[in-house]
Amino acid sequence: MIGAISFRICGPCMTRLFGKCCPNRVDIGTHSSRSNPFLRTQTKANIRQAENARNKWRQARTLQKYHTAGESVPRLSRRFNLDPRTVKRYLEITGPPDISRKKRAQPLDAYHTQVMEWEAAGDTIQVIHEKLQFMGYTAAYGTVKVFIAELRKQKRVNTPLDIEYHNRWDICWLL
């Protein structure tokens, strides 16, 4: 047959073709049961801090109970092996201790919106640091690096990780 042309694409050619025209990941529309590893709400230090606050509140209520029953501050101090000033402070507590901390001002605080724009535009940390230095920023590179790492971590938390994807090589293999 002269009119029928048959051709076959070899494996490397197929790979190159899919590398150019197919996206990296293809959403197949199903959700997997993977949990998001980036959704840790508290660090170990925060958990320990909250536990210490609960213990302090529990001990303060115990001291208040004994004090209302008629025991004196020096006697409570000896009984619970606490300094009398600590006992007095615990007797004045009216609710669980506040464990929130105030954040200190950073030199980078004045440039947050600009850094977020540059990071969204795809600039590297080194380029962002150089741009900041040109604007008058005098603090360390590490500060910028940590801030951008936190930004990127927040982006990962906000992106859905429970959608199943197939990469382009899987699709190429199937075809």
N, C-alpha and C. Protein backbone atom coordinates (compact mmCIF):
# COMPACT_ATOMS: atom_id res chain seq x y z
N MET A 1 0.82 -1.17 0.00
CA MET A 1 0.00 0.00 0.00
C MET A 1 0.87 1.24 0.00
N ILE A 2 0.64 2.02 -0.97
CA ILE A 2 1.45 3.21 -1.11
C ILE A 2 0.84 4.38 -0.32
N GLY A 3 -0.47 4.49 -0.19
CA GLY A 3 -1.13 5.63 0.44
C GLY A 3 -1.08 5.62 1.97
N ALA A 4 -0.92 4.47 2.58
CA ALA A 4 -0.95 4.39 4.05
C ALA A 4 0.46 4.54 4.59
N ILE A 5 0.63 5.48 5.47
CA ILE A 5 1.93 5.69 6.10
C ILE A 5 1.80 5.33 7.56
N SER A 6 2.65 4.51 8.00
CA SER A 6 2.64 4.09 9.40
C SER A 6 3.91 4.61 10.05
N PHE A 7 3.77 5.17 11.24
CA PHE A 7 4.96 5.62 11.97
C PHE A 7 4.82 5.27 13.43
N ARG A 8 5.93 5.15 14.03
CA ARG A 8 5.97 4.80 15.45
C ARG A 8 6.93 5.74 16.15
N ILE A 9 6.51 6.28 17.29
CA ILE A 9 7.36 7.21 18.03
C ILE A 9 8.16 6.39 19.04
N CYS A 10 9.46 6.60 19.02
CA CYS A 10 10.32 5.86 19.96
C CYS A 10 10.18 6.43 21.37
N GLY A 11 10.64 5.69 22.36
CA GLY A 11 10.52 6.08 23.77
C GLY A 11 11.14 7.42 24.11
N PRO A 12 12.40 7.67 23.74
CA PRO A 12 13.01 8.97 24.06
C PRO A 12 12.30 10.14 23.40
N CYS A 13 11.81 9.93 22.17
CA CYS A 13 11.09 11.01 21.49
C CYS A 13 9.77 11.31 22.19
N MET A 14 9.09 10.26 22.65
CA MET A 14 7.83 10.43 23.40
C MET A 14 8.11 11.19 24.70
N THR A 15 9.21 10.84 25.36
CA THR A 15 9.55 11.50 26.62
C THR A 15 9.82 12.98 26.39
N ARG A 16 10.57 13.31 25.34
CA ARG A 16 10.86 14.71 25.04
C ARG A 16 9.58 15.46 24.69
N LEU A 17 8.71 14.83 23.92
CA LEU A 17 7.46 15.45 23.51
C LEU A 17 6.60 15.76 24.74
N PHE A 18 6.46 14.80 25.65
CA PHE A 18 5.66 15.02 26.85
C PHE A 18 6.34 16.01 27.80
N GLY A 19 7.66 16.04 27.80
CA GLY A 19 8.37 17.00 28.64
C GLY A 19 8.09 18.43 28.23
N LYS A 20 7.81 18.64 26.95
CA LYS A 20 7.57 20.00 26.45
C LYS A 20 6.10 20.42 26.51
N CYS A 21 5.18 19.48 26.30
CA CYS A 21 3.79 19.90 26.15
C CYS A 21 2.88 19.49 27.31
N CYS A 22 3.33 18.65 28.21
CA CYS A 22 2.47 18.18 29.30
C CYS A 22 2.89 18.84 30.61
N PRO A 23 1.96 19.24 31.45
CA PRO A 23 2.35 19.84 32.74
C PRO A 23 3.02 18.81 33.64
N ASN A 24 3.74 19.31 34.64
CA ASN A 24 4.46 18.44 35.57
C ASN A 24 3.53 17.49 36.30
N ARG A 25 2.43 18.01 36.83
CA ARG A 25 1.47 17.21 37.57
C ARG A 25 0.08 17.42 37.00
N VAL A 26 -0.68 16.34 36.91
CA VAL A 26 -2.05 16.43 36.40
C VAL A 26 -2.98 15.98 37.52
N ASP A 27 -3.90 16.86 37.90
CA ASP A 27 -4.89 16.55 38.94
C ASP A 27 -5.88 15.56 38.36
N ILE A 28 -6.05 14.41 39.03
CA ILE A 28 -6.99 13.41 38.52
C ILE A 28 -8.35 13.54 39.17
N GLY A 29 -8.52 14.53 40.05
CA GLY A 29 -9.84 14.84 40.58
C GLY A 29 -10.27 14.04 41.79
N THR A 30 -9.41 13.19 42.31
CA THR A 30 -9.76 12.43 43.51
C THR A 30 -8.95 12.93 44.68
N HIS A 31 -9.47 12.70 45.85
CA HIS A 31 -8.79 13.13 47.05
C HIS A 31 -8.21 11.93 47.77
N SER A 32 -6.97 12.06 48.20
CA SER A 32 -6.34 10.97 48.94
C SER A 32 -6.58 11.19 50.43
N SER A 33 -6.24 10.21 51.22
CA SER A 33 -6.47 10.30 52.66
C SER A 33 -5.23 10.73 53.41
N ARG A 34 -4.27 11.32 52.71
CA ARG A 34 -3.06 11.78 53.38
C ARG A 34 -3.39 12.97 54.27
N SER A 35 -2.79 12.98 55.44
CA SER A 35 -2.96 14.15 56.31
C SER A 35 -1.86 15.14 55.98
N ASN A 36 -2.11 16.37 56.23
CA ASN A 36 -1.17 17.43 55.91
C ASN A 36 -0.09 17.50 56.98
N PRO A 37 1.18 17.22 56.64
CA PRO A 37 2.23 17.24 57.66
C PRO A 37 2.60 18.65 58.12
N PHE A 38 2.19 19.68 57.38
CA PHE A 38 2.55 21.05 57.73
C PHE A 38 1.55 21.70 58.66
N LEU A 39 0.48 21.00 59.03
CA LEU A 39 -0.55 21.59 59.86
C LEU A 39 -0.31 21.34 61.35
N ARG A 40 0.92 21.35 61.77
CA ARG A 40 1.20 21.25 63.20
C ARG A 40 0.81 22.58 63.82
N THR A 41 -0.05 22.53 64.78
CA THR A 41 -0.53 23.79 65.35
C THR A 41 0.39 24.31 66.43
N GLN A 42 1.13 23.42 67.10
CA GLN A 42 1.98 23.87 68.19
C GLN A 42 3.32 23.17 68.13
N THR A 43 4.34 23.88 68.57
CA THR A 43 5.66 23.27 68.68
C THR A 43 5.78 22.60 70.04
N LYS A 44 6.84 21.85 70.23
CA LYS A 44 7.06 21.19 71.51
C LYS A 44 7.20 22.22 72.63
N ALA A 45 7.87 23.31 72.33
CA ALA A 45 8.05 24.36 73.34
C ALA A 45 6.71 24.96 73.74
N ASN A 46 5.82 25.18 72.76
CA ASN A 46 4.49 25.74 73.07
C ASN A 46 3.66 24.76 73.89
N ILE A 47 3.76 23.48 73.57
CA ILE A 47 3.02 22.48 74.34
C ILE A 47 3.53 22.43 75.77
N ARG A 48 4.85 22.46 75.93
CA ARG A 48 5.46 22.45 77.26
C ARG A 48 5.06 23.71 78.05
N GLN A 49 5.03 24.84 77.37
CA GLN A 49 4.65 26.10 78.02
C GLN A 49 3.20 26.05 78.49
N ALA A 50 2.32 25.51 77.67
CA ALA A 50 0.91 25.39 78.05
C ALA A 50 0.74 24.43 79.22
N GLU A 51 1.49 23.34 79.21
CA GLU A 51 1.44 22.38 80.32
C GLU A 51 1.92 23.02 81.62
N ASN A 52 2.98 23.80 81.54
CA ASN A 52 3.48 24.51 82.74
C ASN A 52 2.46 25.49 83.27
N ALA A 53 1.76 26.18 82.36
CA ALA A 53 0.73 27.13 82.78
C ALA A 53 -0.43 26.40 83.46
N ARG A 54 -0.82 25.24 82.93
CA ARG A 54 -1.88 24.46 83.58
C ARG A 54 -1.46 23.99 84.96
N ASN A 55 -0.20 23.54 85.09
CA ASN A 55 0.30 23.10 86.40
C ASN A 55 0.33 24.26 87.41
N LYS A 56 0.75 25.43 86.92
CA LYS A 56 0.80 26.60 87.79
C LYS A 56 -0.61 26.96 88.27
N TRP A 57 -1.58 26.93 87.36
CA TRP A 57 -2.96 27.27 87.72
C TRP A 57 -3.52 26.24 88.70
N ARG A 58 -3.20 24.97 88.47
CA ARG A 58 -3.66 23.91 89.37
C ARG A 58 -3.08 24.11 90.78
N GLN A 59 -1.78 24.45 90.84
CA GLN A 59 -1.16 24.67 92.14
C GLN A 59 -1.70 25.93 92.81
N ALA A 60 -1.99 26.97 92.03
CA ALA A 60 -2.55 28.20 92.58
C ALA A 60 -3.92 27.93 93.19
N ARG A 61 -4.74 27.14 92.51
CA ARG A 61 -6.07 26.82 93.06
C ARG A 61 -5.95 26.01 94.35
N THR A 62 -4.98 25.10 94.39
CA THR A 62 -4.76 24.32 95.61
C THR A 62 -4.35 25.22 96.76
N LEU A 63 -3.41 26.13 96.49
CA LEU A 63 -2.97 27.07 97.54
C LEU A 63 -4.13 27.95 98.00
N GLN A 64 -4.95 28.41 97.06
CA GLN A 64 -6.09 29.26 97.41
C GLN A 64 -7.09 28.50 98.28
N LYS A 65 -7.27 27.24 97.97
CA LYS A 65 -8.20 26.41 98.75
C LYS A 65 -7.72 26.29 100.20
N TYR A 66 -6.42 25.99 100.37
CA TYR A 66 -5.87 25.87 101.72
C TYR A 66 -5.86 27.21 102.44
N HIS A 67 -5.62 28.30 101.70
CA HIS A 67 -5.59 29.62 102.33
C HIS A 67 -6.98 30.03 102.82
N THR A 68 -8.01 29.72 102.01
CA THR A 68 -9.37 30.05 102.46
C THR A 68 -9.79 29.16 103.64
N ALA A 69 -9.15 28.00 103.77
CA ALA A 69 -9.44 27.12 104.91
C ALA A 69 -8.75 27.62 106.18
N GLY A 70 -7.89 28.65 106.04
CA GLY A 70 -7.30 29.25 107.23
C GLY A 70 -5.80 29.09 107.38
N GLU A 71 -5.12 28.49 106.45
CA GLU A 71 -3.66 28.34 106.59
C GLU A 71 -2.96 29.63 106.20
N SER A 72 -1.86 29.92 106.86
CA SER A 72 -1.11 31.16 106.62
C SER A 72 -0.14 30.97 105.45
N VAL A 73 0.36 32.10 104.98
CA VAL A 73 1.30 32.09 103.86
C VAL A 73 2.60 31.37 104.24
N PRO A 74 3.21 31.65 105.42
CA PRO A 74 4.44 30.93 105.76
C PRO A 74 4.24 29.42 105.87
N ARG A 75 3.10 29.03 106.40
CA ARG A 75 2.84 27.60 106.54
C ARG A 75 2.64 26.94 105.16
N LEU A 76 1.92 27.62 104.27
CA LEU A 76 1.77 27.11 102.90
C LEU A 76 3.12 27.05 102.19
N SER A 77 3.95 28.04 102.48
CA SER A 77 5.28 28.08 101.88
C SER A 77 6.10 26.86 102.30
N ARG A 78 6.07 26.54 103.57
CA ARG A 78 6.80 25.36 104.05
C ARG A 78 6.17 24.07 103.54
N ARG A 79 4.86 24.00 103.53
CA ARG A 79 4.15 22.78 103.14
C ARG A 79 4.39 22.43 101.66
N PHE A 80 4.39 23.42 100.79
CA PHE A 80 4.55 23.17 99.36
C PHE A 80 5.96 23.46 98.85
N ASN A 81 6.87 23.80 99.77
CA ASN A 81 8.26 24.06 99.43
C ASN A 81 8.38 25.16 98.38
N LEU A 82 7.68 26.27 98.63
CA LEU A 82 7.70 27.43 97.74
C LEU A 82 8.15 28.65 98.51
N ASP A 83 8.67 29.62 97.81
CA ASP A 83 9.03 30.89 98.42
C ASP A 83 7.74 31.61 98.83
N PRO A 84 7.74 32.31 99.96
CA PRO A 84 6.52 33.01 100.39
C PRO A 84 6.02 34.03 99.36
N ARG A 85 6.94 34.65 98.62
CA ARG A 85 6.50 35.60 97.59
C ARG A 85 5.75 34.88 96.46
N THR A 86 6.20 33.66 96.15
CA THR A 86 5.50 32.87 95.13
C THR A 86 4.11 32.50 95.62
N VAL A 87 4.01 32.12 96.88
CA VAL A 87 2.70 31.77 97.45
C VAL A 87 1.77 32.98 97.39
N LYS A 88 2.27 34.16 97.76
CA LYS A 88 1.45 35.38 97.71
C LYS A 88 0.99 35.66 96.28
N ARG A 89 1.91 35.50 95.34
CA ARG A 89 1.56 35.74 93.93
C ARG A 89 0.50 34.75 93.46
N TYR A 90 0.64 33.49 93.84
CA TYR A 90 -0.33 32.48 93.45
C TYR A 90 -1.70 32.73 94.10
N LEU A 91 -1.69 33.29 95.29
CA LEU A 91 -2.97 33.59 95.96
C LEU A 91 -3.71 34.74 95.28
N GLU A 92 -2.98 35.59 94.57
CA GLU A 92 -3.60 36.73 93.89
C GLU A 92 -4.09 36.38 92.49
N ILE A 93 -3.70 35.23 91.97
CA ILE A 93 -4.10 34.83 90.62
C ILE A 93 -5.61 34.57 90.59
N THR A 94 -6.29 35.14 89.57
CA THR A 94 -7.74 34.95 89.46
C THR A 94 -8.13 34.06 88.29
N GLY A 95 -7.18 33.74 87.42
CA GLY A 95 -7.47 32.90 86.26
C GLY A 95 -6.20 32.24 85.77
N PRO A 96 -6.30 31.37 84.78
CA PRO A 96 -5.11 30.72 84.24
C PRO A 96 -4.11 31.74 83.73
N PRO A 97 -2.82 31.47 83.89
CA PRO A 97 -1.80 32.43 83.44
C PRO A 97 -1.83 32.63 81.93
N ASP A 98 -1.52 33.84 81.51
CA ASP A 98 -1.47 34.18 80.09
C ASP A 98 -0.14 33.69 79.53
N ILE A 99 -0.19 32.84 78.51
CA ILE A 99 1.04 32.30 77.95
C ILE A 99 1.43 32.97 76.64
N SER A 100 0.67 33.97 76.22
CA SER A 100 1.02 34.66 74.99
C SER A 100 2.24 35.55 75.24
N ARG A 101 3.07 35.64 74.22
CA ARG A 101 4.29 36.43 74.33
C ARG A 101 4.23 37.60 73.35
N LYS A 102 4.86 38.68 73.75
CA LYS A 102 4.92 39.83 72.87
C LYS A 102 6.10 39.66 71.93
N LYS A 103 5.88 39.97 70.66
CA LYS A 103 6.94 39.87 69.68
C LYS A 103 7.72 41.16 69.65
N ARG A 104 9.04 41.02 69.70
CA ARG A 104 9.90 42.20 69.64
C ARG A 104 9.94 42.75 68.22
N ALA A 105 10.16 44.04 68.10
CA ALA A 105 10.26 44.67 66.79
C ALA A 105 11.55 44.21 66.11
N GLN A 106 11.44 43.90 64.83
CA GLN A 106 12.57 43.46 64.03
C GLN A 106 12.91 44.54 63.01
N PRO A 107 14.16 44.62 62.57
CA PRO A 107 14.51 45.61 61.54
C PRO A 107 13.79 45.35 60.23
N LEU A 108 13.40 44.09 59.99
CA LEU A 108 12.73 43.73 58.74
C LEU A 108 11.26 44.11 58.73
N ASP A 109 10.69 44.43 59.88
CA ASP A 109 9.25 44.72 59.97
C ASP A 109 8.80 45.82 59.02
N ALA A 110 9.63 46.80 58.79
CA ALA A 110 9.26 47.92 57.92
C ALA A 110 9.20 47.51 56.45
N TYR A 111 9.81 46.37 56.11
CA TYR A 111 9.90 45.95 54.71
C TYR A 111 9.05 44.71 54.39
N HIS A 112 8.19 44.27 55.31
CA HIS A 112 7.45 43.02 55.12
C HIS A 112 6.67 42.98 53.81
N THR A 113 5.88 44.01 53.53
CA THR A 113 5.05 43.97 52.32
C THR A 113 5.92 43.92 51.07
N GLN A 114 7.01 44.66 51.07
CA GLN A 114 7.90 44.67 49.91
C GLN A 114 8.54 43.29 49.71
N VAL A 115 8.98 42.67 50.80
CA VAL A 115 9.60 41.35 50.71
C VAL A 115 8.59 40.32 50.21
N MET A 116 7.35 40.42 50.69
CA MET A 116 6.32 39.48 50.23
C MET A 116 6.05 39.63 48.74
N GLU A 117 6.04 40.87 48.26
CA GLU A 117 5.84 41.10 46.82
C GLU A 117 6.98 40.51 46.01
N TRP A 118 8.21 40.75 46.45
CA TRP A 118 9.37 40.24 45.73
C TRP A 118 9.40 38.71 45.74
N GLU A 119 9.04 38.13 46.86
CA GLU A 119 9.04 36.67 46.96
C GLU A 119 7.96 36.08 46.05
N ALA A 120 6.81 36.74 46.00
CA ALA A 120 5.72 36.28 45.11
C ALA A 120 6.13 36.42 43.64
N ALA A 121 6.97 37.41 43.36
CA ALA A 121 7.43 37.61 41.98
C ALA A 121 8.49 36.58 41.59
N GLY A 122 9.00 35.82 42.56
CA GLY A 122 9.95 34.76 42.25
C GLY A 122 11.40 35.12 42.50
N ASP A 123 11.66 36.23 43.16
CA ASP A 123 13.05 36.60 43.46
C ASP A 123 13.64 35.67 44.50
N THR A 124 14.93 35.42 44.38
CA THR A 124 15.62 34.57 45.35
C THR A 124 15.88 35.36 46.63
N ILE A 125 16.24 34.64 47.66
CA ILE A 125 16.52 35.29 48.95
C ILE A 125 17.70 36.24 48.81
N GLN A 126 18.72 35.81 48.09
CA GLN A 126 19.91 36.65 47.91
C GLN A 126 19.55 37.95 47.19
N VAL A 127 18.74 37.86 46.14
CA VAL A 127 18.34 39.06 45.39
C VAL A 127 17.49 39.97 46.28
N ILE A 128 16.59 39.38 47.05
CA ILE A 128 15.75 40.18 47.95
C ILE A 128 16.62 40.89 48.98
N HIS A 129 17.61 40.20 49.53
CA HIS A 129 18.50 40.82 50.51
C HIS A 129 19.27 41.98 49.90
N GLU A 130 19.74 41.79 48.67
CA GLU A 130 20.47 42.87 48.00
C GLU A 130 19.58 44.08 47.74
N LYS A 131 18.32 43.83 47.34
CA LYS A 131 17.38 44.93 47.11
C LYS A 131 17.11 45.68 48.42
N LEU A 132 16.97 44.91 49.51
CA LEU A 132 16.73 45.54 50.81
C LEU A 132 17.92 46.39 51.25
N GLN A 133 19.13 45.90 51.02
CA GLN A 133 20.32 46.67 51.37
C GLN A 133 20.37 47.97 50.58
N PHE A 134 19.95 47.91 49.34
CA PHE A 134 19.90 49.11 48.51
C PHE A 134 18.90 50.11 49.09
N MET A 135 17.83 49.60 49.73
CA MET A 135 16.80 50.47 50.32
C MET A 135 17.19 50.97 51.72
N GLY A 136 18.31 50.49 52.26
CA GLY A 136 18.75 50.97 53.56
C GLY A 136 18.67 49.94 54.67
N TYR A 137 18.34 48.72 54.37
CA TYR A 137 18.26 47.65 55.37
C TYR A 137 19.66 47.24 55.77
N THR A 138 19.93 47.21 57.07
CA THR A 138 21.29 46.95 57.53
C THR A 138 21.43 45.65 58.32
N ALA A 139 20.35 44.95 58.57
CA ALA A 139 20.42 43.74 59.38
C ALA A 139 20.92 42.55 58.55
N ALA A 140 20.98 41.39 59.17
CA ALA A 140 21.63 40.23 58.60
C ALA A 140 20.80 39.54 57.51
N TYR A 141 21.51 38.79 56.69
CA TYR A 141 20.90 37.97 55.64
C TYR A 141 20.02 36.90 56.25
N GLY A 142 20.43 36.34 57.39
CA GLY A 142 19.69 35.27 58.04
C GLY A 142 18.28 35.69 58.44
N THR A 143 18.10 36.94 58.81
CA THR A 143 16.78 37.44 59.18
C THR A 143 15.84 37.37 57.98
N VAL A 144 16.34 37.77 56.83
CA VAL A 144 15.54 37.72 55.61
C VAL A 144 15.24 36.27 55.26
N LYS A 145 16.24 35.42 55.40
CA LYS A 145 16.10 34.00 55.08
C LYS A 145 15.02 33.34 55.93
N VAL A 146 15.03 33.63 57.23
CA VAL A 146 14.05 33.04 58.14
C VAL A 146 12.65 33.56 57.82
N PHE A 147 12.52 34.84 57.54
CA PHE A 147 11.22 35.42 57.22
C PHE A 147 10.64 34.79 55.96
N ILE A 148 11.46 34.64 54.93
CA ILE A 148 10.98 34.06 53.68
C ILE A 148 10.67 32.58 53.87
N ALA A 149 11.42 31.88 54.70
CA ALA A 149 11.12 30.48 54.99
C ALA A 149 9.75 30.36 55.64
N GLU A 150 9.42 31.27 56.54
CA GLU A 150 8.10 31.27 57.17
C GLU A 150 7.00 31.56 56.14
N LEU A 151 7.26 32.49 55.22
CA LEU A 151 6.29 32.78 54.16
C LEU A 151 6.02 31.54 53.32
N ARG A 152 7.09 30.87 52.93
CA ARG A 152 6.95 29.69 52.09
C ARG A 152 6.25 28.56 52.84
N LYS A 153 6.51 28.46 54.13
CA LYS A 153 5.85 27.44 54.94
C LYS A 153 4.34 27.73 54.99
N GLN A 154 3.97 29.00 55.15
CA GLN A 154 2.55 29.37 55.15
C GLN A 154 1.89 29.04 53.81
N LYS A 155 2.61 29.23 52.71
CA LYS A 155 2.07 28.89 51.40
C LYS A 155 1.80 27.40 51.31
N ARG A 156 2.74 26.59 51.82
CA ARG A 156 2.56 25.14 51.78
C ARG A 156 1.37 24.71 52.62
N VAL A 157 1.15 25.38 53.75
CA VAL A 157 0.03 25.05 54.62
C VAL A 157 -1.28 25.36 53.93
N ASN A 158 -1.33 26.44 53.18
CA ASN A 158 -2.57 26.86 52.53
C ASN A 158 -2.87 26.12 51.24
N THR A 159 -1.90 25.39 50.67
CA THR A 159 -2.18 24.65 49.45
C THR A 159 -2.72 23.27 49.80
N PRO A 160 -3.71 22.81 49.05
CA PRO A 160 -4.28 21.50 49.36
C PRO A 160 -3.32 20.37 48.98
N LEU A 161 -3.00 19.53 49.94
CA LEU A 161 -2.12 18.40 49.67
C LEU A 161 -2.88 17.09 49.57
N ASP A 162 -4.20 17.14 49.69
CA ASP A 162 -4.97 15.90 49.68
C ASP A 162 -5.50 15.54 48.29
N ILE A 163 -5.07 16.23 47.25
CA ILE A 163 -5.49 15.93 45.89
C ILE A 163 -4.45 15.02 45.26
N GLU A 164 -4.92 13.94 44.62
CA GLU A 164 -4.00 13.01 43.98
C GLU A 164 -3.59 13.53 42.62
N TYR A 165 -2.31 13.38 42.33
CA TYR A 165 -1.76 13.82 41.06
C TYR A 165 -1.05 12.66 40.37
N HIS A 166 -0.95 12.75 39.06
CA HIS A 166 -0.08 11.86 38.30
C HIS A 166 0.94 12.76 37.62
N ASN A 167 2.19 12.36 37.67
CA ASN A 167 3.18 13.19 37.00
C ASN A 167 3.22 12.83 35.52
N ARG A 168 3.89 13.64 34.74
CA ARG A 168 3.87 13.47 33.29
C ARG A 168 4.52 12.17 32.85
N TRP A 169 5.46 11.67 33.64
CA TRP A 169 6.13 10.43 33.25
C TRP A 169 5.19 9.23 33.41
N ASP A 170 4.30 9.28 34.39
CA ASP A 170 3.29 8.23 34.53
C ASP A 170 2.36 8.21 33.32
N ILE A 171 1.96 9.40 32.89
CA ILE A 171 1.07 9.52 31.74
C ILE A 171 1.78 9.01 30.48
N CYS A 172 3.05 9.37 30.33
CA CYS A 172 3.83 8.92 29.17
C CYS A 172 3.94 7.40 29.18
N TRP A 173 4.14 6.83 30.35
CA TRP A 173 4.26 5.38 30.46
C TRP A 173 2.95 4.70 30.11
N LEU A 174 1.82 5.31 30.54
CA LEU A 174 0.52 4.72 30.23
C LEU A 174 0.24 4.72 28.73
N LEU A 175 0.68 5.78 28.06
CA LEU A 175 0.43 5.87 26.61
C LEU A 175 1.38 4.96 25.85
